[in-house]
C-alpha atoms as a PDB file:
ATOM      1  CA  MET A   1      38.515-295.780-140.230  1.00  0.00           C
ATOM      2  CA  THR A   2      42.108-297.786-141.129  1.00  0.00           C
ATOM      3  CA  LEU A   3      43.118-300.979-139.539  1.00  0.00           C
ATOM      4  CA  LYS A   4      45.782-298.865-137.417  1.00  0.00           C
ATOM      5  CA  ASP A   5      43.259-296.850-135.731  1.00  0.00           C
ATOM      6  CA  GLN A   6      40.857-299.994-135.251  1.00  0.00           C
ATOM      7  CA  ILE A   7      43.252-301.689-133.361  1.00  0.00           C
ATOM      8  CA  ALA A   8      44.365-298.817-131.517  1.00  0.00           C
ATOM      9  CA  SER A   9      40.948-298.644-130.433  1.00  0.00           C
ATOM     10  CA  ASP A  10      40.451-302.460-129.697  1.00  0.00           C
ATOM     11  CA  VAL A  11      43.163-302.264-127.208  1.00  0.00           C
ATOM     12  CA  GLY A  12      40.688-301.197-124.531  1.00  0.00           C
ATOM     13  CA  THR A  13      38.110-303.146-125.857  1.00  0.00           C
ATOM     14  CA  VAL A  14      39.427-305.907-126.514  1.00  0.00           C
ATOM     15  CA  PHE A  15      43.175-307.103-125.693  1.00  0.00           C
ATOM     16  CA  LEU A  16      43.026-304.950-121.993  1.00  0.00           C
ATOM     17  CA  ASN A  17      39.587-305.997-121.080  1.00  0.00           C
ATOM     18  CA  THR A  18      39.542-307.836-117.913  1.00  0.00           C
ATOM     19  CA  ASP A  19      36.618-310.366-119.375  1.00  0.00           C
ATOM     20  CA  GLU A  20      39.053-311.340-122.306  1.00  0.00           C
ATOM     21  CA  PHE A  21      42.702-311.042-122.117  1.00  0.00           C
ATOM     22  CA  ALA A  22      43.836-309.197-119.142  1.00  0.00           C
ATOM     23  CA  GLU A  23      44.116-308.733-115.420  1.00  0.00           C
ATOM     24  CA  THR A  24      44.124-306.512-113.450  1.00  0.00           C
ATOM     25  CA  VAL A  25      47.575-305.580-111.682  1.00  0.00           C
ATOM     26  CA  THR A  26      49.015-302.846-109.136  1.00  0.00           C
ATOM     27  CA  TYR A  27      51.706-300.712-111.156  1.00  0.00           C
ATOM     28  CA  ASN A  28      54.088-298.848-108.916  1.00  0.00           C
ATOM     29  CA  PRO A  29      55.578-296.219-110.231  1.00  0.00           C
ATOM     30  CA  ASP A  30      58.959-295.244-108.671  1.00  0.00           C
ATOM     31  CA  GLY A  31      57.815-292.137-106.478  1.00  0.00           C
ATOM     32  CA  GLU A  32      54.585-292.432-106.829  1.00  0.00           C
ATOM     33  CA  SER A  33      51.181-293.890-105.157  1.00  0.00           C
ATOM     34  CA  PRO A  34      50.241-297.460-106.423  1.00  0.00           C
ATOM     35  CA  VAL A  35      47.547-297.846-108.997  1.00  0.00           C
ATOM     36  CA  ASP A  36      45.647-301.202-110.333  1.00  0.00           C
ATOM     37  CA  ILE A  37      45.694-301.057-114.161  1.00  0.00           C
ATOM     38  CA  SER A  38      44.437-303.668-116.606  1.00  0.00           C
ATOM     39  CA  ALA A  39      47.044-305.513-118.411  1.00  0.00           C
ATOM     40  CA  VAL A  40      48.152-308.654-120.571  1.00  0.00           C
ATOM     41  CA  PHE A  41      50.357-310.796-118.109  1.00  0.00           C
ATOM     42  CA  ARG A  42      52.809-313.501-119.655  1.00  0.00           C
ATOM     43  CA  TYR A  43      55.027-315.797-117.497  1.00  0.00           C
ATOM     44  CA  GLN A  44      58.239-316.382-119.862  1.00  0.00           C
ATOM     45  CA  GLY A  45      60.500-318.883-117.729  1.00  0.00           C
ATOM     46  CA  ILE A  46      63.307-318.839-115.760  1.00  0.00           C
ATOM     47  CA  GLU A  47      66.485-317.302-116.691  1.00  0.00           C
ATOM     48  CA  GLU A  48      69.431-318.144-114.613  1.00  0.00           C
ATOM     49  CA  GLN A  49      73.035-316.178-114.193  1.00  0.00           C
ATOM     50  CA  TYR A  50      76.210-316.833-112.740  1.00  0.00           C
ATOM     51  CA  VAL A  51      77.617-314.034-110.796  1.00  0.00           C
ATOM     52  CA  ARG A  52      80.294-314.063-108.064  1.00  0.00           C
ATOM     53  CA  GLN A  53      78.477-315.751-105.478  1.00  0.00           C
ATOM     54  CA  GLY A  54      77.104-318.619-107.569  1.00  0.00           C
ATOM     55  CA  GLU A  55      73.748-318.486-110.115  1.00  0.00           C
ATOM     56  CA  GLN A  56      70.980-316.789-109.368  1.00  0.00           C
ATOM     57  CA  ALA A  57      67.909-317.609-110.593  1.00  0.00           C
ATOM     58  CA  TYR A  58      64.867-314.939-112.272  1.00  0.00           C
ATOM     59  CA  GLY A  59      60.862-315.832-113.127  1.00  0.00           C
ATOM     60  CA  LEU A  60      61.087-313.657-116.313  1.00  0.00           C
ATOM     61  CA  GLY A  61      57.837-312.371-117.813  1.00  0.00           C
ATOM     62  CA  THR A  62      55.907-309.330-119.774  1.00  0.00           C
ATOM     63  CA  VAL A  63      53.373-307.150-118.818  1.00  0.00           C
ATOM     64  CA  ALA A  64      51.249-305.040-121.816  1.00  0.00           C
ATOM     65  CA  CYS A  65      49.273-301.978-120.717  1.00  0.00           C
ATOM     66  CA  ASN A  66      47.983-298.777-121.916  1.00  0.00           C
ATOM     67  CA  PRO A  67      50.198-296.436-122.487  1.00  0.00           C
ATOM     68  CA  THR A  68      47.563-294.340-120.933  1.00  0.00           C
ATOM     69  CA  ASP A  69      48.040-295.589-117.857  1.00  0.00           C
ATOM     70  CA  VAL A  70      51.967-295.412-117.368  1.00  0.00           C
ATOM     71  CA  THR A  71      52.437-291.818-118.446  1.00  0.00           C
ATOM     72  CA  ALA A  72      56.091-292.257-117.672  1.00  0.00           C
ATOM     73  CA  PRO A  73      57.552-295.783-116.746  1.00  0.00           C
ATOM     74  CA  SER A  74      60.894-296.157-115.502  1.00  0.00           C
ATOM     75  CA  LEU A  75      63.083-299.160-114.854  1.00  0.00           C
ATOM     76  CA  ASP A  76      62.565-298.523-111.156  1.00  0.00           C
ATOM     77  CA  ASP A  77      59.027-298.710-111.139  1.00  0.00           C
ATOM     78  CA  THR A  78      57.599-302.514-110.578  1.00  0.00           C
ATOM     79  CA  PHE A  79      54.784-304.299-110.757  1.00  0.00           C
ATOM     80  CA  THR A  80      52.564-306.749-108.184  1.00  0.00           C
ATOM     81  CA  ILE A  81      50.313-309.797-109.754  1.00  0.00           C
ATOM     82  CA  ASP A  82      48.791-312.077-107.634  1.00  0.00           C
ATOM     83  CA  SER A  83      51.056-310.255-104.311  1.00  0.00           C
ATOM     84  CA  ILE A  84      53.938-311.243-106.361  1.00  0.00           C
ATOM     85  CA  ILE A  85      56.693-308.188-106.944  1.00  0.00           C
ATOM     86  CA  TRP A  86      57.824-307.997-110.748  1.00  0.00           C
ATOM     87  CA  ALA A  87      61.021-305.846-111.221  1.00  0.00           C
ATOM     88  CA  VAL A  88      60.858-303.639-114.809  1.00  0.00           C
ATOM     89  CA  ARG A  89      64.106-304.980-116.612  1.00  0.00           C
ATOM     90  CA  SER A  90      63.372-303.083-120.176  1.00  0.00           C
ATOM     91  CA  ILE A  91      60.640-300.975-121.401  1.00  0.00           C
ATOM     92  CA  LEU A  92      59.619-301.478-124.957  1.00  0.00           C
ATOM     93  CA  TYR A  93      57.304-299.253-126.830  1.00  0.00           C
ATOM     94  CA  LYS A  94      55.434-300.931-129.462  1.00  0.00           C
ATOM     95  CA  GLU A  95      51.928-299.109-130.678  1.00  0.00           C
ATOM     96  CA  PRO A  96      49.231-299.676-129.192  1.00  0.00           C
ATOM     97  CA  PHE A  97      51.385-301.155-126.185  1.00  0.00           C
ATOM     98  CA  VAL A  98      53.860-300.260-123.717  1.00  0.00           C
ATOM     99  CA  THR A  99      55.287-303.648-122.928  1.00  0.00           C
ATOM    100  CA  PHE A 100      57.772-304.032-120.059  1.00  0.00           C
ATOM    101  CA  GLU A 101      59.802-307.210-119.279  1.00  0.00           C
ATOM    102  CA  VAL A 102      59.673-308.034-115.692  1.00  0.00           C
ATOM    103  CA  VAL A 103      61.970-310.015-113.403  1.00  0.00           C
ATOM    104  CA  THR A 104      61.161-311.523-109.830  1.00  0.00           C
ATOM    105  CA  ARG A 105      63.110-313.677-107.228  1.00  0.00           C
ATOM    106  CA  ASP A 106      60.186-315.067-105.574  1.00  0.00           C
ATOM    107  CA  ASP A 107      60.535-318.570-104.997  1.00  0.00           C
ATOM    108  CA  ARG A 108      57.080-319.741-106.440  1.00  0.00           C
ATOM    109  CA  PHE A 109      58.788-318.979-110.200  1.00  0.00           C
ATOM    110  CA  ILE A 110      62.333-319.826-109.026  1.00  0.00           C
ATOM    111  CA  GLY A 111      63.820-323.628-107.731  1.00  0.00           C
ATOM    112  CA  GLY A 112      61.545-325.762-109.775  1.00  0.00           C
ATOM    113  CA  ASN A 113      57.971-324.771-107.557  1.00  0.00           C
ATOM    114  CA  LYS A 114      56.589-322.669-110.353  1.00  0.00           C
ATOM    115  CA  GLU A 115      53.347-322.509-109.040  1.00  0.00           C
ATOM    116  CA  ARG A 116      51.652-319.789-111.136  1.00  0.00           C
ATOM    117  CA  ILE A 117      52.557-320.529-114.690  1.00  0.00           C
ATOM    118  CA  HIS A 118      49.760-317.611-116.010  1.00  0.00           C
ATOM    119  CA  ARG A 119      46.759-318.586-118.872  1.00  0.00           C
END
């Protein structure tokens, strides 16, 4: 077995194991039923953008999961993590994961009250 094969097999048994690095999140594919999957979520901080009406702040994060759990990802998908809805902003395919950059406008992540800064 090559190192690449070993890493690919470790995705489900180590990295996406909820007893190790991962947690159960709800994946909400656009136009389909939500499904619970194992994923690694990382909170990245707050991004502020200036728009015509003033500034908007967004909580930023990444969600890494097994590509077999998200067979047709799109920018219209969302994730629900600890009752917070995170919208997909970009999708990166980097073996052995598919990684989503996600954003939220939830007040628990903006406005100075970062209640949940994950692991």
